[in-house]
Protein backbone atom coordinates (compact mmCIF):
# COMPACT_ATOMS: atom_id res chain seq x y z
CA MET A 1 25.30 -21.57 11.04
CA THR A 2 23.10 -19.27 13.07
CA ALA A 3 19.70 -18.07 11.94
CA GLU A 4 19.48 -14.34 11.53
CA LYS A 5 16.34 -12.50 12.45
CA SER A 6 14.70 -10.73 9.51
CA ILE A 7 14.70 -6.99 9.85
CA ALA A 8 11.92 -4.92 8.34
CA LYS A 9 13.13 -2.18 6.03
CA SER A 10 11.27 0.71 4.49
CA VAL A 11 10.16 -0.05 0.94
CA ASP A 12 8.75 2.68 -1.30
CA VAL A 13 5.79 1.59 -3.42
CA GLN A 14 3.37 3.38 -5.73
CA ILE A 15 -0.36 2.88 -5.87
CA MET A 16 -2.36 4.95 -8.34
CA GLY A 17 0.56 7.32 -8.72
CA ARG A 18 0.94 7.94 -5.00
CA GLU A 19 4.08 6.90 -3.19
CA PHE A 20 3.96 5.11 0.14
CA SER A 21 6.64 3.72 2.44
CA VAL A 22 5.89 0.31 3.88
CA ALA A 23 7.97 -1.69 6.38
CA CYS A 24 8.84 -5.09 4.94
CA THR A 25 11.43 -7.82 5.43
CA ASP A 26 13.53 -9.00 2.49
CA GLU A 27 11.69 -12.33 2.57
CA ALA A 28 8.28 -10.65 2.30
CA ARG A 29 9.31 -8.10 -0.33
CA GLN A 30 8.11 -10.06 -3.37
CA GLY A 31 4.78 -10.73 -1.69
CA LEU A 32 4.45 -7.04 -0.93
CA MET A 33 5.26 -6.08 -4.50
CA ASP A 34 2.71 -8.60 -5.78
CA ALA A 35 0.10 -7.18 -3.40
CA VAL A 36 0.91 -3.61 -4.48
CA ALA A 37 0.57 -4.52 -8.17
CA TYR A 38 -2.71 -6.35 -7.53
CA LEU A 39 -4.16 -3.52 -5.43
CA ASP A 40 -3.01 -0.89 -7.93
CA LYS A 41 -4.75 -2.75 -10.76
CA LYS A 42 -7.96 -3.20 -8.76
CA MET A 43 -8.03 0.48 -7.79
CA ARG A 44 -7.32 1.64 -11.34
CA ASP A 45 -10.09 -0.62 -12.65
CA ILE A 46 -12.53 0.92 -10.16
CA ARG A 47 -11.39 4.44 -11.01
CA ASP A 48 -11.61 3.77 -14.75
CA SER A 49 -15.18 2.51 -14.40
CA GLY A 50 -16.10 6.11 -13.55
CA LYS A 51 -18.61 5.07 -10.90
CA ILE A 52 -16.48 5.93 -7.85
CA VAL A 53 -14.67 9.23 -7.33
CA GLY A 54 -11.96 9.94 -4.76
CA VAL A 55 -8.95 7.88 -3.78
CA GLU A 56 -10.29 7.04 -0.33
CA ARG A 57 -13.57 5.70 -1.75
CA ILE A 58 -11.74 3.80 -4.49
CA ALA A 59 -9.46 2.24 -1.85
CA MET A 60 -12.46 1.25 0.27
CA MET A 61 -14.22 -0.34 -2.71
CA ALA A 62 -11.05 -2.22 -3.64
CA ALA A 63 -10.72 -3.48 -0.06
CA LEU A 64 -14.35 -4.63 -0.06
CA ASN A 65 -13.93 -6.36 -3.42
CA LEU A 66 -10.80 -8.15 -2.25
CA ALA A 67 -12.42 -9.18 1.03
CA HIS A 68 -15.35 -10.53 -0.97
CA GLU A 69 -12.96 -12.53 -3.16
CA VAL A 70 -11.30 -14.03 -0.10
CA LEU A 71 -14.55 -14.92 1.63
CA ASN A 72 -16.01 -16.52 -1.49
CA THR A 73 -12.94 -18.56 -2.38
CA LYS A 74 -13.54 -22.22 -1.79
CA ASN A 75 -10.64 -23.64 -3.79
CA GLY A 76 -8.14 -25.58 -1.66
CA ASP A 77 -5.23 -24.28 -3.78
CA ILE A 78 -5.51 -20.74 -2.38
CA ASP A 79 -2.58 -19.39 -0.35
CA ILE A 80 -4.36 -17.73 2.58
CA GLY A 81 -1.05 -16.27 3.79
CA ASP A 82 -0.77 -14.39 0.50
CA TYR A 83 -4.24 -12.91 1.00
CA LYS A 84 -3.39 -11.96 4.57
CA ARG A 85 -0.27 -10.14 3.33
CA ARG A 86 -2.33 -8.36 0.68
CA ILE A 87 -4.98 -7.32 3.17
CA ASN A 88 -2.35 -6.06 5.63
CA ALA A 89 -0.67 -4.08 2.85
CA MET A 90 -4.02 -2.61 1.83
CA HIS A 91 -4.82 -1.77 5.43
CA ASN A 92 -1.53 0.13 5.74
CA GLN A 93 -2.18 1.93 2.46
CA LEU A 94 -5.69 2.89 3.55
CA ASP A 95 -4.40 4.25 6.85
CA GLU A 96 -1.80 6.35 5.03
CA ALA A 97 -4.29 7.60 2.40
CA ILE A 98 -6.81 8.56 5.10
CA ALA A 99 -4.09 10.35 7.08
CA GLU A 100 -3.13 12.31 3.94
CA GLN A 101 -6.77 13.20 3.30
CA ASN A 102 -7.20 14.38 6.90
CA GLN A 103 -4.15 16.64 6.54
CA LEU A 104 -5.75 18.29 3.52
CA LEU A 105 -8.94 19.04 5.44
């Protein structure tokens, strides 16, 4: 048997009702979907609090909250790779959201 190299494919995801395409391998797909669901929930919670307005600001607050969670986690049972995948997915989403905002301006 030969090992095949994983090929990244475009995966469409939705965060706060907005659709994004993200490159992802089949092996990383579940991790991506978990990260999308987690980020979507965090962003909706921030939006629903009514304190922050605007998708870009909500995304930035969610990213800061998640970074804070990672930096303050001291439990040895944490999967750092999972957090790295989540942060990378959020970074891609932020880049896309900012690009969309810049097109509107």
